[in-house]
Each structure stands twice: as C-alpha cells, then as structure tokens.
C-alpha atoms as a PDB file:
ATOM      1  CA  MET A   1       0.000   0.000   0.000  1.00  0.00           C
ATOM      2  CA  GLU A   2       1.382   3.429  -0.913  1.00  0.00           C
ATOM      3  CA  LEU A   3       1.804   5.900   1.935  1.00  0.00           C
ATOM      4  CA  GLY A   4       0.227   9.282   1.318  1.00  0.00           C
ATOM      5  CA  VAL A   5      -1.999  12.043   2.539  1.00  0.00           C
ATOM      6  CA  ASP A   6      -5.776  11.774   2.427  1.00  0.00           C
ATOM      7  CA  GLU A   7      -6.600  15.223   1.078  1.00  0.00           C
ATOM      8  CA  GLY A   8     -10.263  14.642   1.897  1.00  0.00           C
ATOM      9  CA  MET A   9      -9.490  15.145   5.590  1.00  0.00           C
ATOM     10  CA  PRO A  10      -9.987  18.827   6.501  1.00  0.00           C
ATOM     11  CA  ILE A  11      -7.057  18.790   8.963  1.00  0.00           C
ATOM     12  CA  LEU A  12      -4.565  18.168   6.141  1.00  0.00           C
ATOM     13  CA  LYS A  13      -3.444  20.889   3.743  1.00  0.00           C
ATOM     14  CA  LYS A  14      -3.169  20.300   0.007  1.00  0.00           C
ATOM     15  CA  ASN A  15       0.216  21.990  -0.456  1.00  0.00           C
ATOM     16  CA  ARG A  16       1.926  19.227   1.481  1.00  0.00           C
ATOM     17  CA  MET A  17       3.849  16.045   0.667  1.00  0.00           C
ATOM     18  CA  SER A  18       3.771  13.093   3.031  1.00  0.00           C
ATOM     19  CA  THR A  19       6.819  12.614   5.237  1.00  0.00           C
ATOM     20  CA  GLY A  20       6.201   8.879   5.101  1.00  0.00           C
ATOM     21  CA  ILE A  21       5.537   8.942   8.854  1.00  0.00           C
ATOM     22  CA  PRO A  22       1.752   9.091   9.401  1.00  0.00           C
ATOM     23  CA  ASP A  23       1.873  10.585  12.905  1.00  0.00           C
ATOM     24  CA  LEU A  24       4.258  13.314  11.740  1.00  0.00           C
ATOM     25  CA  ASP A  25       1.989  14.064   8.766  1.00  0.00           C
ATOM     26  CA  LEU A  26      -0.843  14.785  11.212  1.00  0.00           C
ATOM     27  CA  ILE A  27       1.328  17.133  13.271  1.00  0.00           C
ATOM     28  CA  LEU A  28       2.457  18.963  10.112  1.00  0.00           C
ATOM     29  CA  GLU A  29      -1.088  19.094   8.682  1.00  0.00           C
ATOM     30  CA  GLY A  30      -0.174  16.821   5.778  1.00  0.00           C
ATOM     31  CA  GLY A  31       3.611  16.693   5.641  1.00  0.00           C
ATOM     32  CA  TYR A  32       6.449  18.836   4.310  1.00  0.00           C
ATOM     33  CA  HIS A  33       5.718  21.834   2.097  1.00  0.00           C
ATOM     34  CA  ASN A  34       5.259  20.997  -1.595  1.00  0.00           C
ATOM     35  CA  PRO A  35       6.975  22.433  -3.440  1.00  0.00           C
ATOM     36  CA  GLY A  36       9.566  23.262  -0.825  1.00  0.00           C
ATOM     37  CA  ASN A  37      13.119  23.092   0.435  1.00  0.00           C
ATOM     38  CA  ILE A  38      13.424  21.462   3.844  1.00  0.00           C
ATOM     39  CA  VAL A  39      16.553  21.325   6.013  1.00  0.00           C
ATOM     40  CA  LEU A  40      16.951  18.675   8.709  1.00  0.00           C
ATOM     41  CA  ILE A  41      19.869  19.218  11.092  1.00  0.00           C
ATOM     42  CA  GLY A  42      20.953  16.509  13.476  1.00  0.00           C
ATOM     43  CA  PRO A  43      23.747  14.307  14.786  1.00  0.00           C
ATOM     44  CA  SER A  44      25.233  11.635  12.567  1.00  0.00           C
ATOM     45  CA  GLY A  45      23.440   8.345  13.031  1.00  0.00           C
ATOM     46  CA  MET A  46      20.338   6.476  12.031  1.00  0.00           C
ATOM     47  CA  GLU A  47      17.822   9.024  13.303  1.00  0.00           C
ATOM     48  CA  LYS A  48      18.541  11.673  10.675  1.00  0.00           C
ATOM     49  CA  VAL A  49      18.848   9.385   7.642  1.00  0.00           C
ATOM     50  CA  ALA A  50      15.762   7.425   8.712  1.00  0.00           C
ATOM     51  CA  PHE A  51      13.653  10.521   8.034  1.00  0.00           C
ATOM     52  CA  SER A  52      14.985  10.607   4.476  1.00  0.00           C
ATOM     53  CA  TYR A  53      14.338   6.883   3.989  1.00  0.00           C
ATOM     54  CA  HIS A  54      10.713   7.287   5.098  1.00  0.00           C
ATOM     55  CA  PHE A  55      10.284  10.281   2.815  1.00  0.00           C
ATOM     56  CA  VAL A  56      11.651   8.499  -0.262  1.00  0.00           C
ATOM     57  CA  ALA A  57       9.903   5.189   0.441  1.00  0.00           C
ATOM     58  CA  ALA A  58       6.560   7.066   0.553  1.00  0.00           C
ATOM     59  CA  ALA A  59       6.823   8.073  -3.128  1.00  0.00           C
ATOM     60  CA  ALA A  60       3.539   7.290  -4.861  1.00  0.00           C
ATOM     61  CA  GLN A  61       3.400   5.742  -8.332  1.00  0.00           C
ATOM     62  CA  ASP A  62       2.884   9.170  -9.911  1.00  0.00           C
ATOM     63  CA  GLU A  63       5.960  10.620  -8.165  1.00  0.00           C
ATOM     64  CA  ASN A  64       9.698  10.202  -8.716  1.00  0.00           C
ATOM     65  CA  ALA A  65      12.196  10.139  -5.860  1.00  0.00           C
ATOM     66  CA  TYR A  66      15.941  10.781  -6.001  1.00  0.00           C
ATOM     67  CA  ILE A  67      18.657  10.394  -3.377  1.00  0.00           C
ATOM     68  CA  ILE A  68      21.837  12.364  -4.021  1.00  0.00           C
ATOM     69  CA  CYS A  69      24.435  10.192  -2.307  1.00  0.00           C
ATOM     70  CA  GLY A  70      27.392  11.867  -0.629  1.00  0.00           C
ATOM     71  CA  ASN A  71      28.018   9.526   2.299  1.00  0.00           C
ATOM     72  CA  ALA A  72      27.231   6.040   1.013  1.00  0.00           C
ATOM     73  CA  CYS A  73      26.707   4.147  -2.219  1.00  0.00           C
ATOM     74  CA  PRO A  74      23.151   3.318  -3.359  1.00  0.00           C
ATOM     75  CA  ASP A  75      23.386  -0.384  -2.396  1.00  0.00           C
ATOM     76  CA  ASP A  76      24.416   0.508   1.152  1.00  0.00           C
ATOM     77  CA  ILE A  77      21.531   2.992   1.454  1.00  0.00           C
ATOM     78  CA  ILE A  78      19.038   0.411   0.180  1.00  0.00           C
ATOM     79  CA  ASN A  79      20.358  -2.180   2.630  1.00  0.00           C
ATOM     80  CA  LYS A  80      20.345   0.230   5.564  1.00  0.00           C
ATOM     81  CA  ALA A  81      16.758   1.270   4.855  1.00  0.00           C
ATOM     82  CA  SER A  82      15.710  -2.381   4.716  1.00  0.00           C
ATOM     83  CA  THR A  83      16.854  -2.847   8.334  1.00  0.00           C
ATOM     84  CA  ILE A  84      13.984  -0.579   9.423  1.00  0.00           C
ATOM     85  CA  GLY A  85      11.473  -2.142   7.054  1.00  0.00           C
ATOM     86  CA  LEU A  86      11.618   0.403   4.220  1.00  0.00           C
ATOM     87  CA  ASN A  87      11.854  -0.605   0.548  1.00  0.00           C
ATOM     88  CA  LEU A  88      13.985   1.686  -1.628  1.00  0.00           C
ATOM     89  CA  LYS A  89      14.136  -0.740  -4.552  1.00  0.00           C
ATOM     90  CA  LYS A  90      10.978   0.583  -6.208  1.00  0.00           C
ATOM     91  CA  ASP A  91      11.298   1.604  -9.851  1.00  0.00           C
ATOM     92  CA  ASN A  92      10.465   5.245  -9.143  1.00  0.00           C
ATOM     93  CA  ILE A  93      13.293   5.620  -6.585  1.00  0.00           C
ATOM     94  CA  ARG A  94      16.605   6.536  -8.195  1.00  0.00           C
ATOM     95  CA  PHE A  95      20.048   7.680  -7.130  1.00  0.00           C
ATOM     96  CA  ILE A  96      22.627  10.276  -8.097  1.00  0.00           C
ATOM     97  CA  ASP A  97      25.800   8.570  -6.850  1.00  0.00           C
ATOM     98  CA  CYS A  98      28.462  11.106  -5.863  1.00  0.00           C
ATOM     99  CA  TYR A  99      30.071   8.737  -3.358  1.00  0.00           C
ATOM    100  CA  SER A 100      31.520   5.787  -5.242  1.00  0.00           C
ATOM    101  CA  ALA A 101      34.046   7.981  -7.067  1.00  0.00           C
ATOM    102  CA  THR A 102      35.580   8.930  -3.704  1.00  0.00           C
ATOM    103  CA  LEU A 103      36.415   5.257  -3.198  1.00  0.00           C
ATOM    104  CA  GLY A 104      38.282   5.084  -6.504  1.00  0.00           C
ATOM    105  CA  LYS A 105      35.609   2.944  -8.117  1.00  0.00           C
ATOM    106  CA  GLY A 106      36.332   4.140 -11.624  1.00  0.00           C
ATOM    107  CA  GLU A 107      34.520   1.201 -13.150  1.00  0.00           C
ATOM    108  CA  CYS A 108      31.138   2.432 -11.889  1.00  0.00           C
ATOM    109  CA  LYS A 109      28.809   3.246 -14.752  1.00  0.00           C
ATOM    110  CA  SER A 110      25.429   4.930 -14.853  1.00  0.00           C
ATOM    111  CA  THR A 111      22.330   2.762 -15.190  1.00  0.00           C
ATOM    112  CA  GLU A 112      18.629   3.517 -15.490  1.00  0.00           C
ATOM    113  CA  LYS A 113      18.379   3.631 -11.692  1.00  0.00           C
ATOM    114  CA  VAL A 114      21.758   5.158 -10.783  1.00  0.00           C
ATOM    115  CA  MET A 115      23.429   8.224 -12.306  1.00  0.00           C
ATOM    116  CA  VAL A 116      27.124   8.217 -11.382  1.00  0.00           C
ATOM    117  CA  VAL A 117      28.829  11.568 -10.805  1.00  0.00           C
ATOM    118  CA  ASP A 118      32.560  12.113 -10.382  1.00  0.00           C
ATOM    119  CA  GLY A 119      32.487  12.965  -6.677  1.00  0.00           C
ATOM    120  CA  PRO A 120      30.828  15.572  -4.423  1.00  0.00           C
ATOM    121  CA  SER A 121      33.078  18.340  -5.761  1.00  0.00           C
ATOM    122  CA  ALA A 122      31.627  17.955  -9.277  1.00  0.00           C
ATOM    123  CA  LEU A 123      28.842  20.502  -8.727  1.00  0.00           C
ATOM    124  CA  ASN A 124      28.311  21.145 -12.443  1.00  0.00           C
ATOM    125  CA  ASP A 125      27.834  17.430 -13.090  1.00  0.00           C
ATOM    126  CA  ILE A 126      25.448  17.170 -10.145  1.00  0.00           C
ATOM    127  CA  SER A 127      23.484  20.091 -11.542  1.00  0.00           C
ATOM    128  CA  LEU A 128      23.288  18.381 -14.948  1.00  0.00           C
ATOM    129  CA  ALA A 129      22.145  15.145 -13.291  1.00  0.00           C
ATOM    130  CA  LEU A 130      19.397  17.063 -11.505  1.00  0.00           C
ATOM    131  CA  ASN A 131      18.355  18.614 -14.816  1.00  0.00           C
ATOM    132  CA  GLU A 132      18.032  15.120 -16.250  1.00  0.00           C
ATOM    133  CA  ALA A 133      16.005  14.025 -13.210  1.00  0.00           C
ATOM    134  CA  ILE A 134      13.680  16.975 -13.683  1.00  0.00           C
ATOM    135  CA  ARG A 135      13.199  16.151 -17.363  1.00  0.00           C
ATOM    136  CA  ALA A 136      12.489  12.511 -16.514  1.00  0.00           C
ATOM    137  CA  SER A 137       9.892  13.655 -13.978  1.00  0.00           C
ATOM    138  CA  ALA A 138       7.960  16.003 -16.252  1.00  0.00           C
ATOM    139  CA  GLY A 139       4.328  16.058 -15.154  1.00  0.00           C
ATOM    140  CA  LYS A 140       5.137  14.373 -11.834  1.00  0.00           C
ATOM    141  CA  LYS A 141       5.940  15.587  -8.357  1.00  0.00           C
ATOM    142  CA  MET A 142       9.476  14.936  -7.155  1.00  0.00           C
ATOM    143  CA  ARG A 143      10.980  13.903  -3.844  1.00  0.00           C
ATOM    144  CA  VAL A 144      14.690  14.715  -3.552  1.00  0.00           C
ATOM    145  CA  VAL A 145      17.140  14.015  -0.720  1.00  0.00           C
ATOM    146  CA  PHE A 146      20.676  15.367  -0.270  1.00  0.00           C
ATOM    147  CA  ASP A 147      22.463  12.796   1.918  1.00  0.00           C
ATOM    148  CA  THR A 148      24.164  14.799   3.237  1.00  0.00           C
ATOM    149  CA  LEU A 149      24.462  18.422   2.207  1.00  0.00           C
ATOM    150  CA  SER A 150      27.337  18.688   4.695  1.00  0.00           C
ATOM    151  CA  THR A 151      29.474  16.408   2.535  1.00  0.00           C
ATOM    152  CA  PHE A 152      29.089  18.654  -0.509  1.00  0.00           C
ATOM    153  CA  VAL A 153      29.899  21.720   1.595  1.00  0.00           C
ATOM    154  CA  LEU A 154      33.128  20.164   2.865  1.00  0.00           C
ATOM    155  CA  TYR A 155      34.284  19.350  -0.681  1.00  0.00           C
ATOM    156  CA  ASN A 156      33.605  22.775  -2.209  1.00  0.00           C
ATOM    157  CA  PRO A 157      34.466  26.463  -1.642  1.00  0.00           C
ATOM    158  CA  LYS A 158      31.839  28.519   0.152  1.00  0.00           C
ATOM    159  CA  ASP A 159      31.102  30.736  -2.885  1.00  0.00           C
ATOM    160  CA  SER A 160      30.609  27.677  -5.112  1.00  0.00           C
ATOM    161  CA  ILE A 161      28.150  26.188  -2.636  1.00  0.00           C
ATOM    162  CA  ARG A 162      26.261  29.468  -2.364  1.00  0.00           C
ATOM    163  CA  LYS A 163      25.816  29.679  -6.139  1.00  0.00           C
ATOM    164  CA  PHE A 164      24.967  25.977  -6.418  1.00  0.00           C
ATOM    165  CA  MET A 165      22.329  26.157  -3.698  1.00  0.00           C
ATOM    166  CA  SER A 166      20.756  29.298  -5.153  1.00  0.00           C
ATOM    167  CA  VAL A 167      20.307  27.618  -8.532  1.00  0.00           C
ATOM    168  CA  VAL A 168      19.275  24.183  -7.272  1.00  0.00           C
ATOM    169  CA  GLU A 169      16.743  25.393  -4.711  1.00  0.00           C
ATOM    170  CA  GLY A 170      14.869  27.460  -7.283  1.00  0.00           C
ATOM    171  CA  ARG A 171      15.085  24.854 -10.015  1.00  0.00           C
ATOM    172  CA  LEU A 172      13.704  22.082  -7.818  1.00  0.00           C
ATOM    173  CA  ARG A 173      10.945  24.268  -6.419  1.00  0.00           C
ATOM    174  CA  ASN A 174       9.886  25.176  -9.956  1.00  0.00           C
ATOM    175  CA  ALA A 175       9.814  21.456 -10.771  1.00  0.00           C
ATOM    176  CA  LYS A 176       7.250  20.910  -7.962  1.00  0.00           C
ATOM    177  CA  ALA A 177       9.814  19.062  -5.895  1.00  0.00           C
ATOM    178  CA  THR A 178      10.020  18.768  -2.145  1.00  0.00           C
ATOM    179  CA  THR A 179      13.714  18.506  -1.296  1.00  0.00           C
ATOM    180  CA  LEU A 180      15.054  17.300   2.034  1.00  0.00           C
ATOM    181  CA  TYR A 181      18.589  18.503   2.808  1.00  0.00           C
ATOM    182  CA  LEU A 182      20.306  16.577   5.609  1.00  0.00           C
ATOM    183  CA  VAL A 183      22.905  18.596   7.527  1.00  0.00           C
ATOM    184  CA  ASP A 184      25.309  17.223  10.133  1.00  0.00           C
ATOM    185  CA  GLU A 185      25.115  18.912  13.509  1.00  0.00           C
ATOM    186  CA  GLY A 186      28.271  20.569  14.817  1.00  0.00           C
ATOM    187  CA  VAL A 187      30.187  20.390  11.536  1.00  0.00           C
ATOM    188  CA  HIS A 188      29.666  23.939  10.248  1.00  0.00           C
ATOM    189  CA  ASP A 189      30.268  27.336  11.857  1.00  0.00           C
ATOM    190  CA  LYS A 190      27.330  29.702  12.360  1.00  0.00           C
ATOM    191  CA  PRO A 191      27.868  31.849   9.232  1.00  0.00           C
ATOM    192  CA  LEU A 192      28.044  28.780   7.017  1.00  0.00           C
ATOM    193  CA  LEU A 193      25.046  27.212   8.731  1.00  0.00           C
ATOM    194  CA  SER A 194      23.088  30.427   8.119  1.00  0.00           C
ATOM    195  CA  LEU A 195      24.075  30.194   4.449  1.00  0.00           C
ATOM    196  CA  LEU A 196      22.720  26.642   4.244  1.00  0.00           C
ATOM    197  CA  GLU A 197      19.487  27.603   5.989  1.00  0.00           C
ATOM    198  CA  HIS A 198      18.921  30.614   3.723  1.00  0.00           C
ATOM    199  CA  GLY A 199      16.191  29.932   1.186  1.00  0.00           C
ATOM    200  CA  MET A 200      14.756  26.988   3.101  1.00  0.00           C
ATOM    201  CA  ASP A 201      11.009  26.819   3.605  1.00  0.00           C
ATOM    202  CA  GLU A 202      11.170  24.748   6.774  1.00  0.00           C
ATOM    203  CA  LYS A 203      13.856  23.839   9.292  1.00  0.00           C
ATOM    204  CA  PHE A 204      13.783  20.810  11.574  1.00  0.00           C
ATOM    205  CA  ASP A 205      16.326  19.863  14.246  1.00  0.00           C
ATOM    206  CA  ILE A 206      16.937  16.499  15.856  1.00  0.00           C
ATOM    207  CA  LEU A 207      17.998  16.982  19.471  1.00  0.00           C
ATOM    208  CA  ASP A 208      19.976  14.333  21.356  1.00  0.00           C
ATOM    209  CA  LYS A 209      19.178  14.604  25.057  1.00  0.00           C
ATOM    210  CA  GLY A 210      21.185  11.903  26.770  1.00  0.00           C
ATOM    211  CA  GLY A 211      20.490   9.296  24.125  1.00  0.00           C
ATOM    212  CA  LYS A 212      16.828  10.220  23.793  1.00  0.00           C
ATOM    213  CA  PHE A 213      15.932  12.012  20.573  1.00  0.00           C
ATOM    214  CA  PHE A 214      13.457  14.805  19.908  1.00  0.00           C
ATOM    215  CA  LEU A 215      12.331  16.528  16.703  1.00  0.00           C
ATOM    216  CA  THR A 216      11.698  20.269  16.728  1.00  0.00           C
ATOM    217  CA  ILE A 217       8.622  21.393  14.797  1.00  0.00           C
ATOM    218  CA  PRO A 218       8.897  24.655  12.797  1.00  0.00           C
ATOM    219  CA  ASP A 219       7.072  27.739  14.122  1.00  0.00           C
ATOM    220  CA  THR A 220       6.122  25.978  17.354  1.00  0.00           C
ATOM    221  CA  ALA A 221       7.645  25.301  20.747  1.00  0.00           C
ATOM    222  CA  VAL A 222       7.000  21.590  20.344  1.00  0.00           C
ATOM    223  CA  ASN A 223       9.767  19.008  20.664  1.00  0.00           C
ATOM    224  CA  VAL A 224       8.407  15.609  19.622  1.00  0.00           C
ATOM    225  CA  PRO A 225      10.023  12.461  21.069  1.00  0.00           C
ATOM    226  CA  ILE A 226      11.184  10.094  18.306  1.00  0.00           C
ATOM    227  CA  LYS A 227      12.630   6.612  18.244  1.00  0.00           C
ATOM    228  CA  VAL A 228      14.006   4.393  15.471  1.00  0.00           C
ATOM    229  CA  GLY A 229      13.098   0.727  15.631  1.00  0.00           C
ATOM    230  CA  PRO A 230      12.626  -2.255  13.287  1.00  0.00           C
ATOM    231  CA  GLY A 231       9.529  -0.558  11.841  1.00  0.00           C
ATOM    232  CA  GLY A 232      11.238   2.780  11.281  1.00  0.00           C
ATOM    233  CA  ILE A 233      10.604   6.042  13.114  1.00  0.00           C
ATOM    234  CA  SER A 234       7.920   6.119  15.763  1.00  0.00           C
ATOM    235  CA  ILE A 235       6.617   9.305  17.357  1.00  0.00           C
ATOM    236  CA  LYS A 236       5.577   9.090  20.967  1.00  0.00           C
END
C-alpha cells in the first residue's frame, strides 16, 4: 500500500507532501511543504537518515524520488533502509551517486536507476544530473534528498556552494519538488550554517538529550520524542 496524505481530511493541507511517517503528517497538517526546500539538522546516526528513507519510500506511483548520495553508495543505502522495514528498490526511486568515485571505483557506470557523478566536488555534473532528473519527472511531483548536504559543503568552496544552492533550490521548487537537505550537527560554523538555511522553507532539528531524541517542529515550541526501531521512526 502506498503511503500518502488523504486530502479529503480537513485537517490536512493540500500543499503538502507526506513525510512517510503518518503521525508526523498529522502534526504537520499533511507533511512537508510541496513544493519546498526542507533542512533537517541533526547528529550523525540512524535518526537523521531514517527521516529521508521514510520520505523516499513514501513516493507514490505518480511521483519520482531521487537520493543524491554523498556519504554512502546506493546499495548501502538500500540495505540500511531495509533494516527498518523500508523498501527503496521501487522503480520510481533513483540515485545520483556522488560517493563511489571517492572510493576510486572508476569502473562504476550509470544505469537507469543510478546516475554516477565524479564525486561531491563535481557541482556542475550534479546540476546536470538534476536537470536530467527533472526532465524525466515532467508532469510528476518529485521527492529529492541530499544525503548529506554537509558532505558537498566540505568538498567545495563557500562561494561555489552558495551559487549551487541558489540555482538548485529554485530549479527544484519550480519542478514541484520537495527537497530534504540533511545537515550534520556541529560540523559547520554559524555563518556557514546560516548560508545553508537561507532559502529553506522549513527547518527541523533532531535533538539528542542523553540518548533520547526529539524533533523540533517549525514555528512551534514543540519538541516531539522520536525513536528508530525495526519498523522505522515512531513518534511518541
């Protein structure tokens, strides 16, 4: 069964895209903004990437989903998602692999499901790959994940990232995409973090309080307890 938002329910807004976590969809009145650019900041670990796995796995048949890989190869992401019961092998879930080149895997070639890019510093190639993804998704909504944006920031000069983000954010929004940018907590200084947050429609933070995790909800004082288990993220 495809996860999604029942737009017939008055509590849920139409300009939303399901997070893939039903309880979170209710809190957010339907999910993340669509179109929209969403930043999720949190410590390295399963909690942050699990949100992206839920989001991508929830792609309906009339949507395309893309994961831009900076920290792991597509097979590792698929396998990791499967440990919490999420299937990323669906035909409409694809990958832009910017990671394998960092391992010296020169033999990697693009396929229908995986577009291989020559590392996270190849911003022009990543931009071209996104253009191709947008063309392939004409007439459909898009779900896009940067896993993680921090990796691309570390591999590129600040000015290059600023220009890249300015172009990509607008291009994806115009393509009716909801894009989830994962950012590693504690890696960037405040000015750079402000640069990454600029242009975002929503900001979420994952807080680690002594091994217990909480999600901040934009424009509210609410911190929602979260936990990752065999069935994925649960909200208490």
